[in-house]
N, C-alpha and C. Protein backbone atom coordinates (compact mmCIF):
# COMPACT_ATOMS: atom_id res chain seq x y z
N UNK A 1 0.85 -1.18 0.00
CA UNK A 1 0.00 0.00 0.00
C UNK A 1 0.89 1.24 0.00
N UNK A 2 1.83 1.27 -0.91
CA UNK A 2 2.74 2.41 -0.99
C UNK A 2 1.96 3.66 -1.36
N UNK A 3 2.31 4.75 -0.73
CA UNK A 3 1.67 6.02 -1.00
C UNK A 3 0.59 6.37 0.01
N UNK A 4 0.06 5.39 0.76
CA UNK A 4 -0.98 5.67 1.76
C UNK A 4 -0.34 6.03 3.09
N UNK A 5 -0.90 7.05 3.74
CA UNK A 5 -0.51 7.43 5.09
C UNK A 5 -1.77 7.67 5.90
N UNK A 6 -1.79 7.19 7.13
CA UNK A 6 -2.93 7.36 8.03
C UNK A 6 -2.38 7.77 9.38
N UNK A 7 -3.06 8.70 10.04
CA UNK A 7 -2.60 9.13 11.35
C UNK A 7 -3.75 9.61 12.21
N UNK A 8 -3.48 9.71 13.50
CA UNK A 8 -4.47 10.24 14.44
C UNK A 8 -3.74 11.01 15.53
N UNK A 9 -4.48 11.95 16.13
CA UNK A 9 -3.95 12.76 17.21
C UNK A 9 -5.03 12.81 18.29
N UNK A 10 -4.64 12.62 19.54
CA UNK A 10 -5.55 12.76 20.67
C UNK A 10 -5.10 13.96 21.49
N UNK A 11 -6.03 14.89 21.74
CA UNK A 11 -5.76 16.08 22.54
C UNK A 11 -6.40 15.87 23.91
N UNK A 12 -5.64 16.11 24.98
CA UNK A 12 -6.13 15.92 26.33
C UNK A 12 -5.85 17.17 27.15
N UNK A 13 -6.91 17.77 27.68
CA UNK A 13 -6.78 18.89 28.61
C UNK A 13 -7.24 18.36 29.96
N UNK A 14 -6.35 18.36 30.94
CA UNK A 14 -6.65 17.78 32.26
C UNK A 14 -7.60 18.68 33.05
N UNK A 15 -8.17 18.12 34.08
CA UNK A 15 -9.05 18.86 34.98
C UNK A 15 -8.25 19.97 35.67
N UNK A 16 -8.89 21.12 35.87
CA UNK A 16 -8.21 22.23 36.54
C UNK A 16 -9.22 23.04 37.33
N UNK A 17 -8.72 23.96 38.18
CA UNK A 17 -9.58 24.79 39.03
C UNK A 17 -10.07 26.01 38.26
N UNK A 18 -11.35 26.31 38.45
CA UNK A 18 -11.96 27.49 37.86
C UNK A 18 -11.75 28.65 38.83
N UNK A 19 -11.46 29.83 38.33
CA UNK A 19 -11.22 30.98 39.20
C UNK A 19 -12.38 31.98 39.10
N UNK A 20 -13.55 31.54 39.57
CA UNK A 20 -14.72 32.43 39.54
C UNK A 20 -14.53 33.56 40.54
N UNK A 21 -14.36 33.20 41.82
CA UNK A 21 -14.16 34.17 42.89
C UNK A 21 -13.24 33.54 43.92
N UNK A 22 -12.70 34.37 44.79
CA UNK A 22 -11.89 33.84 45.88
C UNK A 22 -12.78 33.05 46.82
N UNK A 23 -12.32 31.91 47.26
CA UNK A 23 -13.06 31.08 48.19
C UNK A 23 -13.96 30.06 47.54
N UNK A 24 -14.21 30.16 46.26
CA UNK A 24 -15.04 29.18 45.55
C UNK A 24 -14.10 28.25 44.80
N UNK A 25 -14.16 26.97 45.12
CA UNK A 25 -13.29 25.99 44.49
C UNK A 25 -14.13 25.12 43.56
N UNK A 26 -14.17 25.46 42.31
CA UNK A 26 -14.94 24.73 41.31
C UNK A 26 -13.97 24.07 40.34
N UNK A 27 -14.20 22.81 40.04
CA UNK A 27 -13.36 22.07 39.09
C UNK A 27 -13.96 22.16 37.69
N UNK A 28 -13.09 22.32 36.70
CA UNK A 28 -13.48 22.25 35.29
C UNK A 28 -13.08 20.87 34.81
N UNK A 29 -14.05 20.16 34.22
CA UNK A 29 -13.79 18.77 33.81
C UNK A 29 -12.74 18.72 32.69
N UNK A 30 -12.15 17.52 32.53
CA UNK A 30 -11.17 17.32 31.46
C UNK A 30 -11.86 17.37 30.11
N UNK A 31 -11.06 17.56 29.07
CA UNK A 31 -11.60 17.66 27.70
C UNK A 31 -10.70 16.84 26.78
N UNK A 32 -11.28 15.85 26.11
CA UNK A 32 -10.52 14.97 25.24
C UNK A 32 -11.14 15.02 23.85
N UNK A 33 -10.31 15.26 22.84
CA UNK A 33 -10.75 15.23 21.45
C UNK A 33 -9.77 14.40 20.64
N UNK A 34 -10.23 13.93 19.49
CA UNK A 34 -9.37 13.12 18.62
C UNK A 34 -9.51 13.62 17.18
N UNK A 35 -8.41 13.58 16.44
CA UNK A 35 -8.38 13.97 15.03
C UNK A 35 -7.89 12.79 14.21
N UNK A 36 -8.37 12.68 12.97
CA UNK A 36 -7.92 11.65 12.04
C UNK A 36 -7.46 12.30 10.74
N UNK A 37 -6.47 11.70 10.11
CA UNK A 37 -5.99 12.19 8.82
C UNK A 37 -5.58 10.99 7.97
N UNK A 38 -5.88 11.08 6.70
CA UNK A 38 -5.47 10.06 5.75
C UNK A 38 -5.01 10.74 4.46
N UNK A 39 -3.99 10.21 3.83
CA UNK A 39 -3.50 10.82 2.60
C UNK A 39 -2.98 9.74 1.66
N UNK A 40 -2.97 10.10 0.39
CA UNK A 40 -2.40 9.23 -0.63
C UNK A 40 -1.53 10.09 -1.55
N UNK A 41 -0.31 9.64 -1.81
CA UNK A 41 0.61 10.33 -2.70
C UNK A 41 0.81 9.48 -3.95
N UNK A 42 0.59 10.08 -5.09
CA UNK A 42 0.78 9.39 -6.36
C UNK A 42 2.26 9.43 -6.73
N UNK A 43 2.90 8.29 -6.74
CA UNK A 43 4.30 8.14 -7.15
C UNK A 43 4.32 7.18 -8.33
N UNK A 44 4.06 7.71 -9.50
CA UNK A 44 3.97 6.88 -10.70
C UNK A 44 5.35 6.52 -11.21
N UNK A 45 5.55 5.29 -11.67
CA UNK A 45 6.86 4.89 -12.18
C UNK A 45 7.17 5.60 -13.49
N UNK A 46 8.45 5.75 -13.76
CA UNK A 46 8.89 6.39 -15.00
C UNK A 46 8.55 5.47 -16.18
N UNK A 47 8.36 6.04 -17.36
CA UNK A 47 8.09 5.20 -18.53
C UNK A 47 9.25 4.23 -18.76
N UNK A 48 8.92 3.02 -19.17
CA UNK A 48 9.92 1.97 -19.33
C UNK A 48 10.85 2.26 -20.49
N UNK A 49 10.30 2.60 -21.63
CA UNK A 49 11.12 2.79 -22.83
C UNK A 49 11.44 4.27 -23.03
N UNK A 50 12.72 4.59 -23.01
CA UNK A 50 13.15 5.95 -23.31
C UNK A 50 13.38 6.07 -24.81
N UNK A 51 12.98 7.16 -25.37
CA UNK A 51 13.18 7.36 -26.79
C UNK A 51 14.62 7.78 -27.05
N UNK A 52 15.07 7.49 -28.25
CA UNK A 52 16.43 7.87 -28.64
C UNK A 52 16.52 9.39 -28.76
N UNK A 53 17.66 9.92 -28.36
CA UNK A 53 17.91 11.34 -28.46
C UNK A 53 18.52 11.62 -29.83
N UNK A 54 17.93 12.55 -30.54
CA UNK A 54 18.42 12.86 -31.88
C UNK A 54 19.85 13.38 -31.83
N UNK A 55 20.70 12.88 -32.72
CA UNK A 55 22.08 13.35 -32.81
C UNK A 55 23.07 12.50 -32.04
N UNK A 56 22.62 11.60 -31.17
CA UNK A 56 23.53 10.73 -30.44
C UNK A 56 23.69 9.43 -31.19
N UNK A 57 24.88 8.90 -31.16
CA UNK A 57 25.12 7.62 -31.83
C UNK A 57 24.54 6.49 -30.99
N UNK A 58 24.16 5.42 -31.65
CA UNK A 58 23.55 4.30 -30.95
C UNK A 58 24.56 3.50 -30.15
N UNK A 59 25.84 3.65 -30.44
CA UNK A 59 26.83 2.88 -29.69
C UNK A 59 27.11 3.50 -28.32
N UNK A 60 26.49 4.65 -28.01
CA UNK A 60 26.55 5.15 -26.65
C UNK A 60 27.49 6.29 -26.38
N UNK A 61 28.20 6.84 -27.31
CA UNK A 61 29.05 7.96 -26.98
C UNK A 61 30.01 8.32 -28.09
N UNK A 62 31.01 9.09 -27.73
CA UNK A 62 32.02 9.47 -28.71
C UNK A 62 33.39 9.37 -28.04
N UNK A 63 34.40 9.25 -28.86
CA UNK A 63 35.76 9.12 -28.35
C UNK A 63 36.40 10.50 -28.24
N UNK A 64 37.05 10.72 -27.11
CA UNK A 64 37.74 11.99 -26.86
C UNK A 64 39.17 11.65 -26.50
N UNK A 65 40.14 12.42 -27.08
CA UNK A 65 41.55 12.20 -26.79
C UNK A 65 41.89 12.96 -25.51
N UNK A 66 42.44 12.23 -24.53
CA UNK A 66 42.81 12.80 -23.24
C UNK A 66 44.22 13.41 -23.32
N UNK A 67 44.65 14.11 -22.25
CA UNK A 67 45.95 14.77 -22.23
C UNK A 67 47.10 13.76 -22.30
N UNK A 68 46.88 12.56 -21.77
CA UNK A 68 47.94 11.56 -21.80
C UNK A 68 48.02 10.83 -23.15
N UNK A 69 47.18 11.21 -24.12
CA UNK A 69 47.24 10.62 -25.45
C UNK A 69 46.33 9.43 -25.65
N UNK A 70 45.65 8.99 -24.63
CA UNK A 70 44.76 7.84 -24.76
C UNK A 70 43.36 8.32 -25.15
N UNK A 71 42.65 7.45 -25.87
CA UNK A 71 41.27 7.74 -26.23
C UNK A 71 40.35 7.26 -25.11
N UNK A 72 39.30 8.06 -24.86
CA UNK A 72 38.34 7.70 -23.83
C UNK A 72 36.94 7.85 -24.42
N UNK A 73 36.09 6.86 -24.16
CA UNK A 73 34.72 6.89 -24.64
C UNK A 73 33.89 7.69 -23.63
N UNK A 74 33.30 8.80 -24.05
CA UNK A 74 32.53 9.68 -23.17
C UNK A 74 31.06 9.52 -23.50
N UNK A 75 30.26 9.22 -22.47
CA UNK A 75 28.82 9.07 -22.65
C UNK A 75 28.16 10.45 -22.62
N UNK A 76 27.25 10.72 -23.54
CA UNK A 76 26.55 12.00 -23.52
C UNK A 76 25.56 12.05 -22.36
N UNK A 77 25.39 13.23 -21.81
CA UNK A 77 24.45 13.44 -20.71
C UNK A 77 23.28 14.23 -21.24
N UNK A 78 22.10 13.70 -21.05
CA UNK A 78 20.90 14.39 -21.50
C UNK A 78 20.02 14.69 -20.31
N UNK A 79 19.61 15.93 -20.16
CA UNK A 79 18.69 16.31 -19.10
C UNK A 79 17.28 16.51 -19.65
N UNK A 80 17.09 16.16 -20.92
CA UNK A 80 15.79 16.33 -21.53
C UNK A 80 14.82 15.29 -21.00
N UNK A 81 13.58 15.71 -20.80
CA UNK A 81 12.53 14.79 -20.38
C UNK A 81 11.52 14.72 -21.51
N UNK A 82 11.22 13.51 -21.93
CA UNK A 82 10.33 13.34 -23.06
C UNK A 82 8.93 13.02 -22.57
N UNK A 83 7.96 13.58 -23.25
CA UNK A 83 6.54 13.38 -22.97
C UNK A 83 6.19 13.79 -21.55
N UNK A 84 6.50 15.03 -21.11
CA UNK A 84 6.15 15.45 -19.76
C UNK A 84 4.70 15.90 -19.64
N UNK A 85 3.94 15.83 -20.71
CA UNK A 85 2.56 16.29 -20.70
C UNK A 85 1.62 15.13 -20.40
N UNK A 86 0.39 15.44 -20.17
CA UNK A 86 -0.61 14.42 -19.96
C UNK A 86 -0.97 14.27 -18.49
N UNK A 87 -1.94 13.42 -18.24
CA UNK A 87 -2.45 13.26 -16.89
C UNK A 87 -1.43 12.63 -15.95
N UNK A 88 -0.56 11.77 -16.45
CA UNK A 88 0.44 11.13 -15.59
C UNK A 88 1.42 12.17 -15.02
N UNK A 89 1.81 13.12 -15.83
CA UNK A 89 2.75 14.15 -15.35
C UNK A 89 2.09 15.04 -14.30
N UNK A 90 0.82 15.35 -14.48
CA UNK A 90 0.13 16.20 -13.51
C UNK A 90 -0.18 15.43 -12.22
N UNK A 91 -0.46 14.16 -12.35
CA UNK A 91 -0.82 13.37 -11.18
C UNK A 91 0.40 12.93 -10.36
N UNK A 92 1.54 12.73 -11.02
CA UNK A 92 2.74 12.28 -10.32
C UNK A 92 3.21 13.35 -9.33
N UNK A 93 3.46 12.95 -8.10
CA UNK A 93 3.90 13.89 -7.06
C UNK A 93 2.76 14.65 -6.40
N UNK A 94 1.52 14.24 -6.65
CA UNK A 94 0.36 14.89 -6.07
C UNK A 94 -0.09 14.12 -4.83
N UNK A 95 -0.41 14.85 -3.76
CA UNK A 95 -0.89 14.25 -2.52
C UNK A 95 -2.29 14.77 -2.25
N UNK A 96 -3.21 13.84 -1.96
CA UNK A 96 -4.57 14.18 -1.57
C UNK A 96 -4.74 13.81 -0.11
N UNK A 97 -5.23 14.77 0.70
CA UNK A 97 -5.43 14.56 2.13
C UNK A 97 -6.90 14.67 2.47
N UNK A 98 -7.37 13.81 3.35
CA UNK A 98 -8.71 13.90 3.93
C UNK A 98 -8.53 13.85 5.44
N UNK A 99 -9.24 14.72 6.15
CA UNK A 99 -9.09 14.73 7.60
C UNK A 99 -10.35 15.17 8.30
N UNK A 100 -10.37 14.87 9.60
CA UNK A 100 -11.47 15.27 10.45
C UNK A 100 -10.91 15.64 11.82
N UNK A 101 -11.28 16.82 12.29
CA UNK A 101 -10.87 17.26 13.62
C UNK A 101 -12.06 17.11 14.56
N UNK A 102 -11.80 16.76 15.81
CA UNK A 102 -12.82 16.58 16.84
C UNK A 102 -13.89 15.60 16.34
N UNK A 103 -13.48 14.37 16.09
CA UNK A 103 -14.36 13.39 15.44
C UNK A 103 -15.59 13.03 16.28
N UNK A 104 -15.53 13.19 17.59
CA UNK A 104 -16.69 12.90 18.44
C UNK A 104 -17.53 14.13 18.70
N UNK A 105 -17.18 15.27 18.13
CA UNK A 105 -17.93 16.53 18.25
C UNK A 105 -18.14 16.92 19.72
N UNK A 106 -17.05 16.90 20.50
CA UNK A 106 -17.11 17.23 21.92
C UNK A 106 -17.21 18.73 22.13
N UNK A 107 -18.18 19.16 22.94
CA UNK A 107 -18.27 20.56 23.34
C UNK A 107 -17.27 20.83 24.45
N UNK A 108 -16.71 22.03 24.51
CA UNK A 108 -15.76 22.33 25.60
C UNK A 108 -16.50 22.42 26.94
N UNK A 109 -15.81 22.16 28.03
CA UNK A 109 -16.47 22.24 29.35
C UNK A 109 -16.77 23.69 29.72
N UNK A 110 -17.78 23.86 30.56
CA UNK A 110 -18.17 25.18 31.02
C UNK A 110 -17.13 25.71 31.99
N UNK A 111 -16.76 26.98 31.82
CA UNK A 111 -15.82 27.67 32.71
C UNK A 111 -16.51 28.95 33.17
N UNK A 112 -16.83 29.01 34.49
CA UNK A 112 -17.53 30.17 35.04
C UNK A 112 -16.68 31.42 35.05
N UNK A 113 -15.36 31.27 35.11
CA UNK A 113 -14.47 32.43 35.15
C UNK A 113 -14.32 33.11 33.80
N UNK A 114 -14.82 32.50 32.76
CA UNK A 114 -14.78 33.10 31.43
C UNK A 114 -16.11 33.80 31.20
N UNK A 115 -16.12 35.11 31.37
CA UNK A 115 -17.38 35.87 31.36
C UNK A 115 -17.93 36.07 29.96
N UNK A 116 -17.11 36.01 28.95
CA UNK A 116 -17.58 36.27 27.59
C UNK A 116 -18.34 35.10 27.00
N UNK A 117 -17.74 33.90 27.01
CA UNK A 117 -18.26 32.79 26.23
C UNK A 117 -18.68 31.59 27.05
N UNK A 118 -18.19 31.42 28.25
CA UNK A 118 -18.49 30.25 29.05
C UNK A 118 -17.54 29.10 28.83
N UNK A 119 -16.45 29.33 28.08
CA UNK A 119 -15.42 28.30 27.91
C UNK A 119 -14.06 28.98 27.86
N UNK A 120 -13.03 28.22 28.11
CA UNK A 120 -11.67 28.76 28.15
C UNK A 120 -11.10 28.80 26.73
N UNK A 121 -11.00 29.98 26.15
CA UNK A 121 -10.53 30.14 24.76
C UNK A 121 -9.06 29.79 24.59
N UNK A 122 -8.28 29.85 25.66
CA UNK A 122 -6.85 29.55 25.53
C UNK A 122 -6.58 28.05 25.45
N UNK A 123 -7.52 27.21 25.91
CA UNK A 123 -7.30 25.76 25.92
C UNK A 123 -8.24 25.00 25.00
N UNK A 124 -9.43 25.51 24.77
CA UNK A 124 -10.44 24.77 24.01
C UNK A 124 -10.99 25.62 22.87
N UNK A 125 -11.82 25.00 22.06
CA UNK A 125 -12.47 25.70 20.95
C UNK A 125 -13.89 25.17 20.80
N UNK A 126 -14.78 26.01 20.33
CA UNK A 126 -16.16 25.59 20.10
C UNK A 126 -16.39 25.18 18.65
N UNK A 127 -15.31 24.99 17.93
CA UNK A 127 -15.41 24.68 16.50
C UNK A 127 -16.19 23.40 16.24
N UNK A 128 -16.10 22.42 17.09
CA UNK A 128 -16.82 21.17 16.88
C UNK A 128 -16.16 20.32 15.80
N UNK A 129 -16.93 19.36 15.27
CA UNK A 129 -16.40 18.47 14.23
C UNK A 129 -16.13 19.29 12.97
N UNK A 130 -14.97 19.01 12.36
CA UNK A 130 -14.54 19.80 11.20
C UNK A 130 -13.90 18.87 10.19
N UNK A 131 -14.41 18.86 8.97
CA UNK A 131 -13.86 18.05 7.88
C UNK A 131 -12.99 18.94 6.99
N UNK A 132 -11.95 18.36 6.40
CA UNK A 132 -11.16 19.12 5.45
C UNK A 132 -10.55 18.21 4.40
N UNK A 133 -10.22 18.83 3.26
CA UNK A 133 -9.58 18.16 2.14
C UNK A 133 -8.38 19.00 1.75
N UNK A 134 -7.26 18.36 1.49
CA UNK A 134 -6.06 19.07 1.06
C UNK A 134 -5.52 18.47 -0.23
N UNK A 135 -4.94 19.33 -1.05
CA UNK A 135 -4.34 18.90 -2.31
C UNK A 135 -2.99 19.59 -2.42
N UNK A 136 -1.92 18.78 -2.61
CA UNK A 136 -0.56 19.33 -2.69
C UNK A 136 0.12 18.71 -3.91
N UNK A 137 0.81 19.53 -4.69
CA UNK A 137 1.53 19.08 -5.88
C UNK A 137 2.99 19.48 -5.76
N UNK A 138 3.88 18.49 -5.89
CA UNK A 138 5.32 18.76 -5.89
C UNK A 138 5.83 18.69 -7.32
N UNK A 139 6.62 19.69 -7.68
CA UNK A 139 7.17 19.76 -9.04
C UNK A 139 8.63 19.39 -9.03
């Protein structure tokens, strides 16, 4: 299953004291959420048959005379890529991600000391369950 990646993350906020007023000892319950992510990366194999490069000899190179007087067979180097167009070129190196945050849709615990919203914005979020899709292309 090359190209597949799956992962999960568990977020845990432990129980803590609420600071409503002095002398009132109220506990805020713990908060646990889980996220899932899955991705697939297209790593398509290179074409099997390479086409001949125009102008190169079929025997693989040319002879060059070195400083010591000996002949050396030098292989040509080609950086040309043939047939880079089409759906295979666009799909190769592409990663598709699917994910879900807060899969159990847990609401944050009530915090009396937070006068605006009733939850601790620094530790929790009211976003709830959230789905997302990602697309990444490497060139």
